[in-house]
C-alpha atoms as a PDB file:
ATOM      1  CA  MET A   1     -25.021 -36.756   8.870  1.00  0.00           C
ATOM      2  CA  LEU A   2     -24.291 -37.331   5.191  1.00  0.00           C
ATOM      3  CA  SER A   3     -27.394 -38.686   3.451  1.00  0.00           C
ATOM      4  CA  PRO A   4     -26.747 -41.482   0.909  1.00  0.00           C
ATOM      5  CA  ALA A   5     -29.453 -39.868  -1.253  1.00  0.00           C
ATOM      6  CA  LEU A   6     -27.091 -36.950  -1.885  1.00  0.00           C
ATOM      7  CA  ILE A   7     -24.491 -39.225  -3.492  1.00  0.00           C
ATOM      8  CA  ALA A   8     -25.907 -41.250  -6.363  1.00  0.00           C
ATOM      9  CA  VAL A   9     -23.317 -43.186  -8.360  1.00  0.00           C
ATOM     10  CA  ASP A  10     -23.789 -44.630 -11.831  1.00  0.00           C
ATOM     11  CA  ARG A  11     -22.229 -48.090 -11.897  1.00  0.00           C
ATOM     12  CA  ASN A  12     -22.586 -48.245 -15.690  1.00  0.00           C
ATOM     13  CA  SER A  13     -20.626 -45.038 -16.211  1.00  0.00           C
ATOM     14  CA  PRO A  14     -17.003 -45.216 -17.441  1.00  0.00           C
ATOM     15  CA  VAL A  15     -16.160 -42.621 -14.750  1.00  0.00           C
ATOM     16  CA  PRO A  16     -14.529 -44.398 -11.767  1.00  0.00           C
ATOM     17  CA  LEU A  17     -16.804 -44.781  -8.753  1.00  0.00           C
ATOM     18  CA  TYR A  18     -14.327 -43.094  -6.393  1.00  0.00           C
ATOM     19  CA  TYR A  19     -14.229 -40.037  -8.665  1.00  0.00           C
ATOM     20  CA  GLN A  20     -18.037 -39.870  -8.844  1.00  0.00           C
ATOM     21  CA  VAL A  21     -18.200 -39.913  -5.038  1.00  0.00           C
ATOM     22  CA  ALA A  22     -15.456 -37.294  -4.757  1.00  0.00           C
ATOM     23  CA  GLN A  23     -17.223 -34.995  -7.241  1.00  0.00           C
ATOM     24  CA  HIS A  24     -20.519 -35.268  -5.353  1.00  0.00           C
ATOM     25  CA  LEU A  25     -18.804 -34.498  -2.048  1.00  0.00           C
ATOM     26  CA  GLU A  26     -16.907 -31.576  -3.608  1.00  0.00           C
ATOM     27  CA  GLN A  27     -20.195 -30.108  -4.878  1.00  0.00           C
ATOM     28  CA  LEU A  28     -21.832 -30.507  -1.457  1.00  0.00           C
ATOM     29  CA  ILE A  29     -18.891 -28.769   0.220  1.00  0.00           C
ATOM     30  CA  GLY A  30     -18.802 -25.992  -2.370  1.00  0.00           C
ATOM     31  CA  SER A  31     -22.560 -25.357  -2.055  1.00  0.00           C
ATOM     32  CA  GLY A  32     -22.402 -25.199   1.749  1.00  0.00           C
ATOM     33  CA  GLU A  33     -24.540 -28.293   2.308  1.00  0.00           C
ATOM     34  CA  LEU A  34     -21.502 -29.765   4.050  1.00  0.00           C
ATOM     35  CA  PRO A  35     -20.105 -26.670   5.825  1.00  0.00           C
ATOM     36  CA  PRO A  36     -16.592 -26.422   7.315  1.00  0.00           C
ATOM     37  CA  GLY A  37     -16.362 -28.456  10.513  1.00  0.00           C
ATOM     38  CA  THR A  38     -18.775 -31.182   9.375  1.00  0.00           C
ATOM     39  CA  ARG A  39     -17.539 -34.609  10.470  1.00  0.00           C
ATOM     40  CA  LEU A  40     -17.985 -37.579   8.165  1.00  0.00           C
ATOM     41  CA  ASP A  41     -18.793 -41.017   9.490  1.00  0.00           C
ATOM     42  CA  ASN A  42     -15.907 -43.482   9.610  1.00  0.00           C
ATOM     43  CA  GLU A  43     -15.004 -45.123   6.312  1.00  0.00           C
ATOM     44  CA  ILE A  44     -16.582 -48.505   7.119  1.00  0.00           C
ATOM     45  CA  ASP A  45     -19.960 -47.010   8.097  1.00  0.00           C
ATOM     46  CA  LEU A  46     -19.958 -44.505   5.247  1.00  0.00           C
ATOM     47  CA  ALA A  47     -19.028 -47.133   2.662  1.00  0.00           C
ATOM     48  CA  HIS A  48     -21.852 -49.346   3.941  1.00  0.00           C
ATOM     49  CA  GLN A  49     -24.358 -46.461   3.776  1.00  0.00           C
ATOM     50  CA  LEU A  50     -23.386 -45.680   0.191  1.00  0.00           C
ATOM     51  CA  GLY A  51     -23.219 -49.316  -0.918  1.00  0.00           C
ATOM     52  CA  LEU A  52     -19.541 -49.011  -1.881  1.00  0.00           C
ATOM     53  CA  SER A  53     -16.384 -50.908  -1.055  1.00  0.00           C
ATOM     54  CA  ARG A  54     -14.159 -49.432   1.601  1.00  0.00           C
ATOM     55  CA  PRO A  55     -11.172 -49.034  -0.819  1.00  0.00           C
ATOM     56  CA  THR A  56     -13.394 -47.046  -3.216  1.00  0.00           C
ATOM     57  CA  LEU A  57     -14.549 -44.706  -0.470  1.00  0.00           C
ATOM     58  CA  ARG A  58     -11.036 -44.367   0.960  1.00  0.00           C
ATOM     59  CA  ARG A  59      -9.710 -43.335  -2.456  1.00  0.00           C
ATOM     60  CA  ALA A  60     -12.476 -40.702  -2.818  1.00  0.00           C
ATOM     61  CA  ILE A  61     -11.658 -39.256   0.594  1.00  0.00           C
ATOM     62  CA  GLU A  62      -7.910 -39.256  -0.115  1.00  0.00           C
ATOM     63  CA  TYR A  63      -8.586 -37.384  -3.366  1.00  0.00           C
ATOM     64  CA  LEU A  64     -10.461 -34.656  -1.466  1.00  0.00           C
ATOM     65  CA  VAL A  65      -7.831 -34.519   1.274  1.00  0.00           C
ATOM     66  CA  GLU A  66      -5.175 -33.905  -1.385  1.00  0.00           C
ATOM     67  CA  ARG A  67      -7.291 -31.119  -2.900  1.00  0.00           C
ATOM     68  CA  GLY A  68      -7.819 -29.419   0.463  1.00  0.00           C
ATOM     69  CA  TYR A  69     -11.536 -30.111   0.953  1.00  0.00           C
ATOM     70  CA  LEU A  70     -11.184 -32.632   3.795  1.00  0.00           C
ATOM     71  CA  VAL A  71      -8.709 -33.138   6.588  1.00  0.00           C
ATOM     72  CA  ARG A  72      -8.016 -36.180   8.739  1.00  0.00           C
ATOM     73  CA  LYS A  73      -7.419 -35.538  12.450  1.00  0.00           C
ATOM     74  CA  ARG A  74      -6.384 -38.200  14.924  1.00  0.00           C
ATOM     75  CA  GLY A  75      -9.098 -38.707  17.510  1.00  0.00           C
ATOM     76  CA  VAL A  76     -11.557 -36.598  15.530  1.00  0.00           C
ATOM     77  CA  GLY A  77     -11.914 -38.334  12.174  1.00  0.00           C
ATOM     78  CA  THR A  78     -12.472 -36.805   8.753  1.00  0.00           C
ATOM     79  CA  GLN A  79     -13.718 -33.222   8.678  1.00  0.00           C
ATOM     80  CA  VAL A  80     -14.746 -30.729   6.028  1.00  0.00           C
ATOM     81  CA  VAL A  81     -12.421 -27.725   5.937  1.00  0.00           C
ATOM     82  CA  HIS A  82     -12.727 -24.308   4.310  1.00  0.00           C
ATOM     83  CA  PRO A  83     -12.607 -25.046   0.558  1.00  0.00           C
ATOM     84  CA  LYS A  84      -9.740 -23.491  -1.352  1.00  0.00           C
ATOM     85  CA  VAL A  85     -10.252 -20.748  -3.861  1.00  0.00           C
ATOM     86  CA  ARG A  86      -9.207 -22.343  -7.151  1.00  0.00           C
ATOM     87  CA  ARG A  87      -8.046 -19.804  -9.666  1.00  0.00           C
ATOM     88  CA  PRO A  88      -7.510 -20.539 -13.351  1.00  0.00           C
ATOM     89  CA  VAL A  89      -4.245 -19.181 -14.699  1.00  0.00           C
ATOM     90  CA  GLU A  90      -5.556 -16.585 -17.115  1.00  0.00           C
ATOM     91  CA  LEU A  91      -5.602 -12.808 -17.426  1.00  0.00           C
ATOM     92  CA  SER A  92      -8.182 -12.038 -14.760  1.00  0.00           C
ATOM     93  CA  SER A  93      -8.032 -10.362 -11.385  1.00  0.00           C
ATOM     94  CA  LEU A  94      -8.499 -12.067  -8.024  1.00  0.00           C
ATOM     95  CA  TYR A  95     -11.471  -9.755  -7.433  1.00  0.00           C
ATOM     96  CA  ASP A  96     -13.110 -10.963 -10.659  1.00  0.00           C
ATOM     97  CA  ASP A  97     -12.442 -14.632  -9.855  1.00  0.00           C
ATOM     98  CA  LEU A  98     -13.829 -14.363  -6.318  1.00  0.00           C
ATOM     99  CA  THR A  99     -16.936 -12.569  -7.571  1.00  0.00           C
ATOM    100  CA  LEU A 100     -17.592 -15.219 -10.237  1.00  0.00           C
ATOM    101  CA  SER A 101     -17.197 -18.027  -7.681  1.00  0.00           C
ATOM    102  CA  GLY A 102     -19.528 -16.339  -5.186  1.00  0.00           C
ATOM    103  CA  LYS A 103     -16.824 -15.763  -2.583  1.00  0.00           C
ATOM    104  CA  ASN A 104     -17.843 -12.183  -1.656  1.00  0.00           C
ATOM    105  CA  PRO A 105     -14.521 -10.316  -2.133  1.00  0.00           C
ATOM    106  CA  GLN A 106     -13.699  -7.508   0.277  1.00  0.00           C
ATOM    107  CA  THR A 107     -10.651  -5.262   0.351  1.00  0.00           C
ATOM    108  CA  THR A 108      -8.739  -3.293   2.956  1.00  0.00           C
ATOM    109  CA  VAL A 109      -6.321  -0.758   1.479  1.00  0.00           C
ATOM    110  CA  LEU A 110      -3.145  -0.878   3.571  1.00  0.00           C
ATOM    111  CA  SER A 111      -1.309   1.861   1.666  1.00  0.00           C
ATOM    112  CA  LEU A 112      -1.616   3.986  -1.480  1.00  0.00           C
ATOM    113  CA  ARG A 113       1.217   6.361  -2.324  1.00  0.00           C
ATOM    114  CA  THR A 114       3.584   7.597  -5.012  1.00  0.00           C
ATOM    115  CA  LEU A 115       7.151   6.293  -4.718  1.00  0.00           C
ATOM    116  CA  PRO A 116      10.295   6.195  -6.862  1.00  0.00           C
ATOM    117  CA  ALA A 117      10.486   2.937  -8.809  1.00  0.00           C
ATOM    118  CA  THR A 118      12.962   0.381  -7.512  1.00  0.00           C
ATOM    119  CA  ASP A 119      15.142  -1.505  -9.958  1.00  0.00           C
ATOM    120  CA  ALA A 120      12.733  -4.486 -10.063  1.00  0.00           C
ATOM    121  CA  VAL A 121       9.658  -2.294 -10.553  1.00  0.00           C
ATOM    122  CA  ALA A 122      11.402  -0.156 -13.186  1.00  0.00           C
ATOM    123  CA  HIS A 123      12.457  -3.258 -15.096  1.00  0.00           C
ATOM    124  CA  ALA A 124       8.920  -4.695 -15.018  1.00  0.00           C
ATOM    125  CA  LEU A 125       7.294  -1.439 -16.142  1.00  0.00           C
ATOM    126  CA  SER A 126      10.025  -0.594 -18.696  1.00  0.00           C
ATOM    127  CA  ILE A 127      10.806   2.765 -17.110  1.00  0.00           C
ATOM    128  CA  GLU A 128      13.885   4.375 -15.601  1.00  0.00           C
ATOM    129  CA  GLU A 129      14.772   3.512 -12.011  1.00  0.00           C
ATOM    130  CA  GLY A 130      13.567   6.277  -9.701  1.00  0.00           C
ATOM    131  CA  THR A 131      10.640   7.266 -11.930  1.00  0.00           C
ATOM    132  CA  PRO A 132       7.566   8.017  -9.767  1.00  0.00           C
ATOM    133  CA  VAL A 133       5.023   5.184  -9.720  1.00  0.00           C
ATOM    134  CA  VAL A 134       1.818   4.588  -7.805  1.00  0.00           C
ATOM    135  CA  ALA A 135       2.357   1.847  -5.198  1.00  0.00           C
ATOM    136  CA  LEU A 136      -0.579   0.175  -3.501  1.00  0.00           C
ATOM    137  CA  GLU A 137      -0.884  -2.590  -0.936  1.00  0.00           C
ATOM    138  CA  ARG A 138      -4.186  -4.312  -0.199  1.00  0.00           C
ATOM    139  CA  LEU A 139      -5.486  -7.134   1.942  1.00  0.00           C
ATOM    140  CA  ARG A 140      -8.081  -9.158   0.031  1.00  0.00           C
ATOM    141  CA  TYR A 141     -10.757 -11.205   1.817  1.00  0.00           C
ATOM    142  CA  ALA A 142     -12.978 -14.043   0.558  1.00  0.00           C
ATOM    143  CA  ASP A 143     -16.160 -14.583   2.592  1.00  0.00           C
ATOM    144  CA  ASP A 144     -14.668 -12.527   5.452  1.00  0.00           C
ATOM    145  CA  GLU A 145     -11.492 -14.671   5.563  1.00  0.00           C
ATOM    146  CA  PRO A 146      -8.159 -12.960   4.762  1.00  0.00           C
ATOM    147  CA  LEU A 147      -6.828 -14.614   1.622  1.00  0.00           C
ATOM    148  CA  ALA A 148      -4.148 -12.512  -0.055  1.00  0.00           C
ATOM    149  CA  ILE A 149      -1.757  -9.618   0.398  1.00  0.00           C
ATOM    150  CA  MET A 150      -1.567  -7.748  -2.906  1.00  0.00           C
ATOM    151  CA  ARG A 151       1.189  -5.291  -3.759  1.00  0.00           C
ATOM    152  CA  ASN A 152       0.960  -3.491  -7.090  1.00  0.00           C
ATOM    153  CA  TRP A 153       2.823  -0.748  -8.911  1.00  0.00           C
ATOM    154  CA  ILE A 154       1.428   1.165 -11.878  1.00  0.00           C
ATOM    155  CA  PRO A 155       2.772   4.087 -13.939  1.00  0.00           C
ATOM    156  CA  GLN A 156       1.950   7.509 -12.523  1.00  0.00           C
ATOM    157  CA  ASP A 157      -1.058   9.224 -14.150  1.00  0.00           C
ATOM    158  CA  LEU A 158      -2.221   5.944 -15.731  1.00  0.00           C
ATOM    159  CA  VAL A 159      -5.477   5.894 -13.801  1.00  0.00           C
ATOM    160  CA  GLU A 160      -6.891   7.804 -10.835  1.00  0.00           C
ATOM    161  CA  LEU A 161      -7.028   5.684  -7.670  1.00  0.00           C
ATOM    162  CA  THR A 162      -8.431   6.321  -4.205  1.00  0.00           C
ATOM    163  CA  PRO A 163      -8.714   3.985  -1.194  1.00  0.00           C
ATOM    164  CA  GLU A 164     -12.515   4.219  -1.426  1.00  0.00           C
ATOM    165  CA  LEU A 165     -12.497   3.165  -5.091  1.00  0.00           C
ATOM    166  CA  LEU A 166     -10.089   0.287  -4.458  1.00  0.00           C
ATOM    167  CA  GLU A 167     -12.303  -1.004  -1.662  1.00  0.00           C
ATOM    168  CA  ARG A 168     -15.312  -1.085  -3.989  1.00  0.00           C
ATOM    169  CA  ALA A 169     -13.745  -2.620  -7.097  1.00  0.00           C
ATOM    170  CA  GLY A 170     -10.777  -4.624  -8.344  1.00  0.00           C
ATOM    171  CA  LEU A 171      -7.779  -2.919  -9.942  1.00  0.00           C
ATOM    172  CA  TYR A 172      -8.449  -4.484 -13.349  1.00  0.00           C
ATOM    173  CA  GLN A 173     -12.080  -3.322 -13.197  1.00  0.00           C
ATOM    174  CA  ILE A 174     -10.906   0.219 -12.555  1.00  0.00           C
ATOM    175  CA  MET A 175      -8.390   0.035 -15.395  1.00  0.00           C
ATOM    176  CA  ARG A 176     -10.953  -1.282 -17.880  1.00  0.00           C
ATOM    177  CA  ALA A 177     -13.443   1.404 -16.832  1.00  0.00           C
ATOM    178  CA  SER A 178     -10.723   3.978 -17.615  1.00  0.00           C
ATOM    179  CA  GLY A 179     -10.339   2.637 -21.155  1.00  0.00           C
ATOM    180  CA  ILE A 180      -7.224   0.525 -20.602  1.00  0.00           C
ATOM    181  CA  ARG A 181      -7.421  -2.641 -22.700  1.00  0.00           C
ATOM    182  CA  LEU A 182      -5.522  -5.416 -20.900  1.00  0.00           C
ATOM    183  CA  HIS A 183      -4.059  -7.838 -23.411  1.00  0.00           C
ATOM    184  CA  LEU A 184      -1.494 -10.233 -21.920  1.00  0.00           C
ATOM    185  CA  ALA A 185       0.703 -10.834 -18.894  1.00  0.00           C
ATOM    186  CA  SER A 186       3.917 -12.542 -17.872  1.00  0.00           C
ATOM    187  CA  GLN A 187       3.510 -14.424 -14.601  1.00  0.00           C
ATOM    188  CA  THR A 188       5.673 -16.420 -12.200  1.00  0.00           C
ATOM    189  CA  ILE A 189       4.220 -18.615  -9.431  1.00  0.00           C
ATOM    190  CA  GLY A 190       6.253 -19.761  -6.436  1.00  0.00           C
ATOM    191  CA  ALA A 191       6.097 -20.494  -2.721  1.00  0.00           C
ATOM    192  CA  ARG A 192       7.809 -19.468   0.501  1.00  0.00           C
ATOM    193  CA  VAL A 193       7.212 -19.089   4.228  1.00  0.00           C
ATOM    194  CA  ALA A 194       5.188 -16.096   5.439  1.00  0.00           C
ATOM    195  CA  THR A 195       6.950 -13.470   7.513  1.00  0.00           C
ATOM    196  CA  ALA A 196       5.598 -12.758  10.990  1.00  0.00           C
ATOM    197  CA  ALA A 197       3.912  -9.549   9.755  1.00  0.00           C
ATOM    198  CA  GLU A 198       2.366 -11.320   6.759  1.00  0.00           C
ATOM    199  CA  ALA A 199       1.111 -14.186   8.942  1.00  0.00           C
ATOM    200  CA  ARG A 200      -0.616 -11.690  11.254  1.00  0.00           C
ATOM    201  CA  LEU A 201      -2.396 -10.006   8.338  1.00  0.00           C
ATOM    202  CA  LEU A 202      -3.500 -13.340   6.884  1.00  0.00           C
ATOM    203  CA  HIS A 203      -4.487 -14.837  10.265  1.00  0.00           C
ATOM    204  CA  ALA A 204      -2.062 -17.624   9.425  1.00  0.00           C
ATOM    205  CA  ALA A 205       0.118 -19.770  11.637  1.00  0.00           C
ATOM    206  CA  LYS A 206       3.725 -18.781  12.267  1.00  0.00           C
ATOM    207  CA  ARG A 207       5.906 -19.760   9.284  1.00  0.00           C
ATOM    208  CA  GLU A 208       2.865 -21.036   7.362  1.00  0.00           C
ATOM    209  CA  PRO A 209       3.605 -21.702   3.674  1.00  0.00           C
ATOM    210  CA  VAL A 210       2.228 -19.172   1.205  1.00  0.00           C
ATOM    211  CA  LEU A 211       1.959 -19.075  -2.564  1.00  0.00           C
ATOM    212  CA  THR A 212       3.568 -16.185  -4.426  1.00  0.00           C
ATOM    213  CA  MET A 213       2.656 -14.693  -7.772  1.00  0.00           C
ATOM    214  CA  ARG A 214       4.508 -11.988  -9.706  1.00  0.00           C
ATOM    215  CA  ARG A 215       2.820 -10.602 -12.786  1.00  0.00           C
ATOM    216  CA  THR A 216       3.565  -7.894 -15.338  1.00  0.00           C
ATOM    217  CA  THR A 217       0.524  -6.913 -17.382  1.00  0.00           C
ATOM    218  CA  TYR A 218       0.515  -5.252 -20.808  1.00  0.00           C
ATOM    219  CA  ASP A 219      -2.183  -3.390 -22.721  1.00  0.00           C
ATOM    220  CA  ASP A 220      -3.085  -4.000 -26.351  1.00  0.00           C
ATOM    221  CA  GLY A 221      -0.394  -1.541 -27.416  1.00  0.00           C
ATOM    222  CA  GLY A 222       2.351  -3.516 -25.669  1.00  0.00           C
ATOM    223  CA  ARG A 223       2.759  -0.988 -22.829  1.00  0.00           C
ATOM    224  CA  SER A 224       3.496  -2.264 -19.293  1.00  0.00           C
ATOM    225  CA  VAL A 225       0.557  -1.059 -17.222  1.00  0.00           C
ATOM    226  CA  GLU A 226       0.916  -3.004 -13.972  1.00  0.00           C
ATOM    227  CA  PHE A 227       3.415  -4.975 -11.912  1.00  0.00           C
ATOM    228  CA  GLY A 228       2.034  -7.123  -9.113  1.00  0.00           C
ATOM    229  CA  ASP A 229       3.667  -9.078  -6.301  1.00  0.00           C
ATOM    230  CA  HIS A 230       0.971 -11.070  -4.502  1.00  0.00           C
ATOM    231  CA  LEU A 231       0.904 -13.497  -1.602  1.00  0.00           C
ATOM    232  CA  TYR A 232      -1.800 -16.135  -0.995  1.00  0.00           C
ATOM    233  CA  ARG A 233      -2.567 -18.523   1.869  1.00  0.00           C
ATOM    234  CA  ALA A 234      -1.666 -21.934   0.460  1.00  0.00           C
ATOM    235  CA  SER A 235      -4.223 -23.625   2.732  1.00  0.00           C
ATOM    236  CA  HIS A 236      -7.031 -21.559   1.152  1.00  0.00           C
ATOM    237  CA  TYR A 237      -5.840 -21.039  -2.409  1.00  0.00           C
ATOM    238  CA  SER A 238      -4.504 -22.817  -5.457  1.00  0.00           C
ATOM    239  CA  PHE A 239      -3.852 -22.193  -9.149  1.00  0.00           C
ATOM    240  CA  GLU A 240      -5.360 -24.408 -11.839  1.00  0.00           C
ATOM    241  CA  ILE A 241      -3.471 -24.902 -15.101  1.00  0.00           C
ATOM    242  CA  VAL A 242      -4.889 -26.611 -18.190  1.00  0.00           C
ATOM    243  CA  LEU A 243      -2.258 -28.482 -20.205  1.00  0.00           C
ATOM    244  CA  VAL A 244      -2.819 -29.262 -23.871  1.00  0.00           C
ATOM    245  CA  ALA A 245      -0.833 -31.799 -25.876  1.00  0.00           C
ATOM    246  CA  ARG A 246       0.805 -30.524 -29.083  1.00  0.00           C
END
């Protein structure tokens, strides 16, 4: 049961009431006070409990449905779902972002080997096609839920990697600890349908949509030090972009 005491709105604030309610609910979901699976009362009862109009409450709920915090199910009502990991688009690793947001990152190393660079990898790393590179594939978890399949290629002899090390720390952490100063990256974000093998790894539904991210990272000397091709569950993950007017 959602206590009205947990959602106090300021009617004198310039912030819209629906947004105040949505922010309070988002905080309660993020803190675990409203865990996944929690059912909210119907809109009429909940609006009455909170002393709000039904349109105001409906708009707050719709806002959270759009952001992936709530889901409406026929015959069940409105339920809290697993909140998405929201990642700012900046030069940080998924491991770092999950750690900062308290999501308990865990990693399974699927493969770690040296391979000849394909044309795409060679182009990204500014090397000749066929040049040996270190190729790694990992499955990243957040709070024990599979979240992302991460494929990376780095120049050979750039940094020493082992499966044990990659399961304890993020790739960028390892690079920084080795003295590599990451400076900037070129990144492309897209979407597609997961393959059957990818869906199995991510515990996703067949043909579930996934977000894609390709990134080439450079050090402070302008050298390409990493090329990544990552896949994220769209139902559990999103990118946040801040836009500034010029």
